[in-house]
Protein backbone atom coordinates (compact mmCIF):
# COMPACT_ATOMS: atom_id res chain seq x y z
CA MET A 1 -14.74 -2.17 18.51
CA SER A 2 -14.66 -4.51 15.44
CA ASN A 3 -11.61 -7.02 14.99
CA ARG A 4 -10.91 -4.71 11.85
CA LEU A 5 -10.70 -0.68 13.47
CA GLN A 6 -8.46 -2.32 16.17
CA ASN A 7 -6.28 -3.31 13.53
CA THR A 8 -6.01 -0.39 11.90
CA LYS A 9 -5.60 2.19 14.68
CA VAL A 10 -2.59 -0.51 16.20
CA ALA A 11 -1.24 -0.06 12.66
CA SER A 12 -1.61 3.80 12.62
CA ARG A 13 0.26 4.06 15.79
CA TYR A 14 2.55 1.62 14.78
CA ALA A 15 3.51 3.66 11.16
CA LYS A 16 2.92 6.81 12.38
CA ALA A 17 5.62 5.91 15.71
CA LEU A 18 8.26 5.15 12.62
CA PHE A 19 7.41 7.75 10.38
CA GLU A 20 8.01 10.58 13.27
CA SER A 21 11.38 9.05 13.54
CA VAL A 22 12.53 8.56 10.27
CA ARG A 23 11.20 12.20 8.59
CA HIS A 24 13.93 13.61 8.90
CA GLY A 25 16.45 11.70 7.86
CA SER A 26 17.90 10.33 4.59
CA GLU A 27 16.43 7.21 5.40
CA LEU A 28 12.85 7.40 4.77
CA GLU A 29 12.82 6.46 1.04
CA GLN A 30 14.55 3.38 2.06
CA VAL A 31 12.07 2.30 4.94
CA HIS A 32 9.37 2.68 2.73
CA GLN A 33 10.94 0.39 0.52
CA ASP A 34 11.94 -2.14 2.68
CA LEU A 35 7.77 -1.81 4.34
CA LYS A 36 6.83 -2.32 1.06
CA THR A 37 9.23 -5.55 -0.11
CA ILE A 38 8.41 -6.75 3.42
CA GLN A 39 4.37 -6.43 3.02
CA GLU A 40 4.83 -8.27 -0.64
CA LEU A 41 6.63 -11.38 0.77
CA MET A 42 3.82 -11.80 3.07
CA ALA A 43 1.61 -11.77 0.23
CA GLN A 44 3.62 -14.40 -1.86
CA VAL A 45 4.39 -16.16 0.84
CA PRO A 46 1.14 -16.72 3.36
CA GLN A 47 3.37 -19.91 5.34
CA LEU A 48 5.60 -16.38 6.71
CA SER A 49 2.99 -14.62 7.91
CA LEU A 50 1.27 -17.85 9.96
CA PHE A 51 4.62 -18.11 11.60
CA LEU A 52 4.79 -15.18 12.93
CA GLU A 53 1.74 -15.31 14.52
CA ASN A 54 1.21 -19.00 15.50
CA PRO A 55 1.46 -18.16 19.06
CA GLY A 56 2.72 -22.20 19.39
CA ILE A 57 5.48 -21.14 17.78
CA PRO A 58 7.74 -19.52 20.76
CA GLU A 59 8.53 -15.99 20.64
CA ALA A 60 12.79 -16.42 20.98
CA ASP A 61 11.58 -18.49 17.47
CA LYS A 62 10.32 -16.07 15.92
CA GLN A 63 12.94 -13.42 16.48
CA SER A 64 15.60 -15.49 15.52
CA PHE A 65 13.99 -15.63 12.23
CA VAL A 66 13.30 -12.49 11.81
CA ASP A 67 17.03 -11.76 12.74
CA GLU A 68 18.43 -14.05 10.39
CA GLN A 69 16.57 -12.68 7.65
CA PHE A 70 15.64 -8.88 7.96
CA GLY A 71 18.80 -8.33 10.14
CA LYS A 72 21.35 -7.25 7.40
CA SER A 73 18.72 -6.41 4.73
CA THR A 74 16.21 -4.07 5.80
CA THR A 75 17.32 -0.98 7.90
CA PRO A 76 17.21 -0.95 10.97
CA TRP A 77 14.24 0.59 11.96
CA VAL A 78 12.43 -1.89 10.00
CA HIS A 79 14.27 -4.80 11.85
CA ARG A 80 13.65 -3.34 15.25
CA LEU A 81 9.81 -2.96 14.45
CA LEU A 82 9.71 -6.10 13.15
CA LYS A 83 10.80 -7.96 16.83
CA LEU A 84 8.72 -5.28 18.03
CA MET A 85 5.79 -6.34 16.18
CA VAL A 86 6.92 -10.34 16.96
CA GLU A 87 6.78 -9.44 20.19
CA ASN A 88 3.86 -7.83 20.54
CA GLY A 89 1.96 -10.32 18.50
CA ARG A 90 1.41 -7.19 15.92
CA THR A 91 2.26 -8.95 12.00
CA VAL A 92 -1.66 -9.19 11.29
CA VAL A 93 -1.40 -5.65 10.65
CA MET A 94 1.35 -5.32 8.25
CA PRO A 95 -0.40 -4.35 5.47
CA GLN A 96 -2.27 -1.70 7.42
CA LEU A 97 1.06 -0.36 8.74
CA VAL A 98 2.76 0.13 5.13
CA SER A 99 -0.19 1.38 3.81
CA GLN A 100 0.17 4.51 6.22
CA PHE A 101 3.11 4.88 6.51
CA ALA A 102 2.61 5.65 2.65
CA GLU A 103 0.05 7.94 2.97
CA TYR A 104 2.39 9.62 6.12
CA ARG A 105 4.69 9.59 3.28
CA ASN A 106 3.26 11.24 0.74
CA ARG A 107 1.26 13.91 1.98
CA GLN A 108 5.17 15.09 3.79
CA GLU A 109 6.09 14.75 0.23
CA ASN A 110 2.76 15.54 -1.27
CA THR A 111 2.50 12.99 -3.96
CA ALA A 112 0.49 10.16 -4.69
CA SER A 113 -0.34 7.07 -5.48
CA ALA A 114 -2.85 6.59 -8.35
CA GLU A 115 -3.95 3.45 -10.16
CA ILE A 116 -5.85 3.19 -13.92
CA ILE A 117 -7.44 -0.29 -14.41
CA THR A 118 -7.83 -0.52 -18.31
CA ALA A 119 -8.60 -3.66 -20.72
CA VAL A 120 -5.34 -3.77 -22.35
CA GLU A 121 -1.79 -2.51 -20.65
CA LEU A 122 -0.85 1.04 -22.21
CA GLU A 123 1.85 1.63 -23.67
CA ALA A 124 4.73 4.27 -21.07
CA GLU A 125 4.55 7.36 -23.01
CA LEU A 126 0.57 7.49 -22.51
CA ARG A 127 1.10 5.94 -18.55
CA ASP A 128 3.23 9.36 -18.72
CA ARG A 129 0.88 11.63 -19.96
CA ILE A 130 -1.75 10.40 -17.61
CA ARG A 131 0.36 11.19 -14.77
CA LYS A 132 1.57 14.32 -15.68
CA THR A 133 -2.27 15.21 -15.95
CA LEU A 134 -2.83 13.88 -12.75
CA GLU A 135 0.23 15.40 -10.80
CA THR A 136 -1.48 18.87 -13.11
CA SER A 137 -4.69 19.06 -11.91
CA LEU A 138 -4.60 17.54 -8.08
CA GLY A 139 -1.80 20.03 -7.85
CA PHE A 140 0.93 16.91 -6.33
CA SER A 141 4.43 17.81 -7.00
CA ARG A 142 4.64 13.76 -8.59
CA VAL A 143 2.32 10.99 -8.83
CA ASP A 144 3.19 7.15 -8.65
CA LEU A 145 1.20 5.64 -10.85
CA SER A 146 0.63 1.90 -11.62
CA ASN A 147 -1.55 0.18 -14.52
CA ARG A 148 -4.00 -3.00 -13.62
CA VAL A 149 -5.20 -4.50 -16.14
CA ASP A 150 -8.97 -5.87 -16.52
CA PRO A 151 -9.63 -7.45 -19.62
CA GLY A 152 -14.03 -6.83 -18.15
CA LEU A 153 -13.19 -3.16 -18.57
CA LEU A 154 -13.61 -4.21 -22.35
CA GLY A 155 -12.27 0.31 -22.87
CA GLY A 156 -11.68 3.35 -20.81
CA ALA A 157 -10.34 3.51 -18.02
CA ILE A 158 -10.72 3.78 -14.37
CA ILE A 159 -8.33 5.48 -11.94
CA LYS A 160 -8.51 5.37 -8.14
CA ILE A 161 -6.01 8.21 -6.55
CA GLN A 162 -6.13 8.56 -2.63
CA ASP A 163 -9.91 8.41 -2.00
CA LYS A 164 -11.43 9.33 -5.53
CA VAL A 165 -12.27 7.04 -8.36
CA ILE A 166 -12.87 8.51 -11.90
CA ASP A 167 -14.61 6.13 -13.98
CA GLY A 168 -14.29 6.37 -17.61
CA SER A 169 -14.92 3.25 -18.52
CA TYR A 170 -17.35 1.37 -20.58
CA VAL A 171 -18.70 -0.70 -18.02
CA GLY A 172 -19.48 2.38 -15.73
CA ARG A 173 -20.97 4.28 -18.48
CA LEU A 174 -22.71 1.33 -19.73
CA GLU A 175 -23.92 1.27 -15.37
CA GLU A 176 -24.75 4.92 -15.53
CA LEU A 177 -27.25 4.47 -18.96
CA ARG A 178 -28.85 1.65 -17.63
CA LYS A 179 -29.18 4.17 -13.58
CA GLN A 180 -30.29 6.63 -15.74
CA ILE A 181 -33.21 3.77 -18.12
CA GLY A 182 -34.30 3.02 -14.66
CA LYS A 183 -35.93 5.79 -13.06
CA LEU A 184 -37.68 7.07 -16.54
């Protein structure tokens, strides 16, 4: 089994255990926010991941660090999860864990996260109309829509929601046209 597949399975187990523990309580949203904050912190400060994953650093030092940095700033659920992940040497799976936890949360609440990629930043009103259209057409009670700018698109948009990709970009249309011409 590949290391990536193994990490995905491990992350899924941690995410499911955490989700099942908080799913009926009032802390679900706060746990989700704490996980996203930690994931963003690990992405912005790569030394944090390197420290937590370094087998040469004693576990007691890592545990003390987790207590100091996250003991009061996160829910007890997330704090205990981090300590357990450090103890088991599993902090490397944090990005997959956060993603899997978000999927469980979204499924329970019938919500989805979506990303729209455009050549320029969308105005809030247009982003809101697109979000409402996605909710209505795909049957979600709520869609959290983020906008990423990619000037290489030239125009149009690409929407990624769950396992769907809706490519309405000029580049996508040109690529489709190139394929059709190639078949002639």
